[in-house]
C-alpha atoms as a PDB file:
ATOM      1  CA  UNK A   1    -159.493  -5.432  21.365  1.00  0.00           C
ATOM      2  CA  UNK A   2    -156.847  -7.743  22.119  1.00  0.00           C
ATOM      3  CA  UNK A   3    -154.590  -5.299  21.503  1.00  0.00           C
ATOM      4  CA  UNK A   4    -156.020  -2.490  23.909  1.00  0.00           C
ATOM      5  CA  UNK A   5    -155.393  -4.739  26.872  1.00  0.00           C
ATOM      6  CA  UNK A   6    -151.905  -5.995  25.818  1.00  0.00           C
ATOM      7  CA  UNK A   7    -151.504  -2.020  25.977  1.00  0.00           C
ATOM      8  CA  UNK A   8    -153.184  -2.212  29.331  1.00  0.00           C
ATOM      9  CA  UNK A   9    -150.596  -4.574  30.311  1.00  0.00           C
ATOM     10  CA  UNK A  10    -152.887  -7.199  30.761  1.00  0.00           C
ATOM     11  CA  UNK A  11    -152.282  -9.504  28.785  1.00  0.00           C
ATOM     12  CA  UNK A  12    -150.027 -10.859  25.007  1.00  0.00           C
ATOM     13  CA  UNK A  13    -151.545 -11.395  22.096  1.00  0.00           C
ATOM     14  CA  UNK A  14    -151.352 -12.962  18.459  1.00  0.00           C
ATOM     15  CA  UNK A  15    -151.868 -10.627  15.961  1.00  0.00           C
ATOM     16  CA  UNK A  16    -151.925 -10.577  12.129  1.00  0.00           C
ATOM     17  CA  UNK A  17    -149.602  -8.259   9.263  1.00  0.00           C
ATOM     18  CA  UNK A  18    -153.035  -6.734   8.973  1.00  0.00           C
ATOM     19  CA  UNK A  19    -153.582  -5.046  12.114  1.00  0.00           C
ATOM     20  CA  UNK A  20    -151.182  -1.265  11.858  1.00  0.00           C
ATOM     21  CA  UNK A  21    -149.517  -0.951  15.716  1.00  0.00           C
ATOM     22  CA  UNK A  22    -147.637   2.220  14.291  1.00  0.00           C
ATOM     23  CA  UNK A  23    -149.439   4.391  17.202  1.00  0.00           C
ATOM     24  CA  UNK A  24    -149.916   1.678  19.761  1.00  0.00           C
ATOM     25  CA  UNK A  25    -147.845   1.910  22.579  1.00  0.00           C
ATOM     26  CA  UNK A  26    -146.752  -2.267  22.657  1.00  0.00           C
ATOM     27  CA  UNK A  27    -144.009  -4.190  21.520  1.00  0.00           C
ATOM     28  CA  UNK A  28    -144.230  -6.604  18.420  1.00  0.00           C
ATOM     29  CA  UNK A  29    -142.366  -9.090  17.523  1.00  0.00           C
ATOM     30  CA  UNK A  30    -142.136 -10.916  13.810  1.00  0.00           C
ATOM     31  CA  UNK A  31    -142.626 -14.876  13.353  1.00  0.00           C
ATOM     32  CA  UNK A  32    -140.184 -16.137  11.108  1.00  0.00           C
ATOM     33  CA  UNK A  33    -141.227 -19.437  10.314  1.00  0.00           C
ATOM     34  CA  UNK A  34    -145.196 -19.965   8.194  1.00  0.00           C
ATOM     35  CA  UNK A  35    -148.145 -20.260  10.697  1.00  0.00           C
ATOM     36  CA  UNK A  36    -151.117 -20.953   9.826  1.00  0.00           C
ATOM     37  CA  UNK A  37    -154.353 -20.264  10.769  1.00  0.00           C
ATOM     38  CA  UNK A  38    -158.769 -21.807  11.130  1.00  0.00           C
ATOM     39  CA  UNK A  39    -160.635 -18.951   9.080  1.00  0.00           C
ATOM     40  CA  UNK A  40    -164.364 -19.292   8.513  1.00  0.00           C
ATOM     41  CA  UNK A  41    -167.382 -17.673   6.467  1.00  0.00           C
ATOM     42  CA  UNK A  42    -170.083 -16.084   9.085  1.00  0.00           C
ATOM     43  CA  UNK A  43    -172.912 -14.401   7.802  1.00  0.00           C
ATOM     44  CA  UNK A  44    -176.965 -13.782   9.588  1.00  0.00           C
ATOM     45  CA  UNK A  45    -179.281 -16.848   8.923  1.00  0.00           C
ATOM     46  CA  UNK A  46    -182.077 -16.445   7.751  1.00  0.00           C
ATOM     47  CA  UNK A  47    -181.570 -12.545   6.072  1.00  0.00           C
ATOM     48  CA  UNK A  48    -181.256 -11.534   2.805  1.00  0.00           C
ATOM     49  CA  UNK A  49    -177.880 -12.136   1.011  1.00  0.00           C
ATOM     50  CA  UNK A  50    -177.195  -9.694  -2.318  1.00  0.00           C
ATOM     51  CA  UNK A  51    -176.183 -11.294  -5.303  1.00  0.00           C
ATOM     52  CA  UNK A  52    -172.732  -9.991  -5.110  1.00  0.00           C
ATOM     53  CA  UNK A  53    -172.218 -11.684  -1.550  1.00  0.00           C
ATOM     54  CA  UNK A  54    -173.664 -15.065  -3.086  1.00  0.00           C
ATOM     55  CA  UNK A  55    -170.804 -14.838  -5.123  1.00  0.00           C
ATOM     56  CA  UNK A  56    -168.012 -13.887  -3.278  1.00  0.00           C
ATOM     57  CA  UNK A  57    -168.964 -16.279  -1.055  1.00  0.00           C
ATOM     58  CA  UNK A  58    -169.237 -18.691  -3.216  1.00  0.00           C
ATOM     59  CA  UNK A  59    -166.352 -17.852  -5.276  1.00  0.00           C
ATOM     60  CA  UNK A  60    -164.324 -19.201  -1.331  1.00  0.00           C
ATOM     61  CA  UNK A  61    -166.126 -22.088  -1.362  1.00  0.00           C
ATOM     62  CA  UNK A  62    -164.503 -22.698  -4.502  1.00  0.00           C
ATOM     63  CA  UNK A  63    -161.302 -21.734  -3.546  1.00  0.00           C
ATOM     64  CA  UNK A  64    -161.020 -23.568  -0.539  1.00  0.00           C
ATOM     65  CA  UNK A  65    -162.306 -26.721  -2.716  1.00  0.00           C
ATOM     66  CA  UNK A  66    -159.789 -26.711  -5.243  1.00  0.00           C
ATOM     67  CA  UNK A  67    -156.760 -25.229  -2.965  1.00  0.00           C
ATOM     68  CA  UNK A  68    -157.026 -26.104   0.476  1.00  0.00           C
ATOM     69  CA  UNK A  69    -157.640 -29.080   3.017  1.00  0.00           C
ATOM     70  CA  UNK A  70    -161.446 -29.089   4.103  1.00  0.00           C
ATOM     71  CA  UNK A  71    -161.686 -30.534   7.376  1.00  0.00           C
END
């Protein structure tokens, strides 16, 4: 992972709050200003999606259309 590369002194990385680094030998600095990232959904083409998965995808698509500008 990118954190492994940082721990091996092979680079730096942007990370999300959800990453737990307590056990890692790295230094983290919080960004105080809001930052935004582009995210997307992905699933395997031409494979069966359960009803729950299709419902989740539809919910996310509808939520994004209602609350965000889509590029």
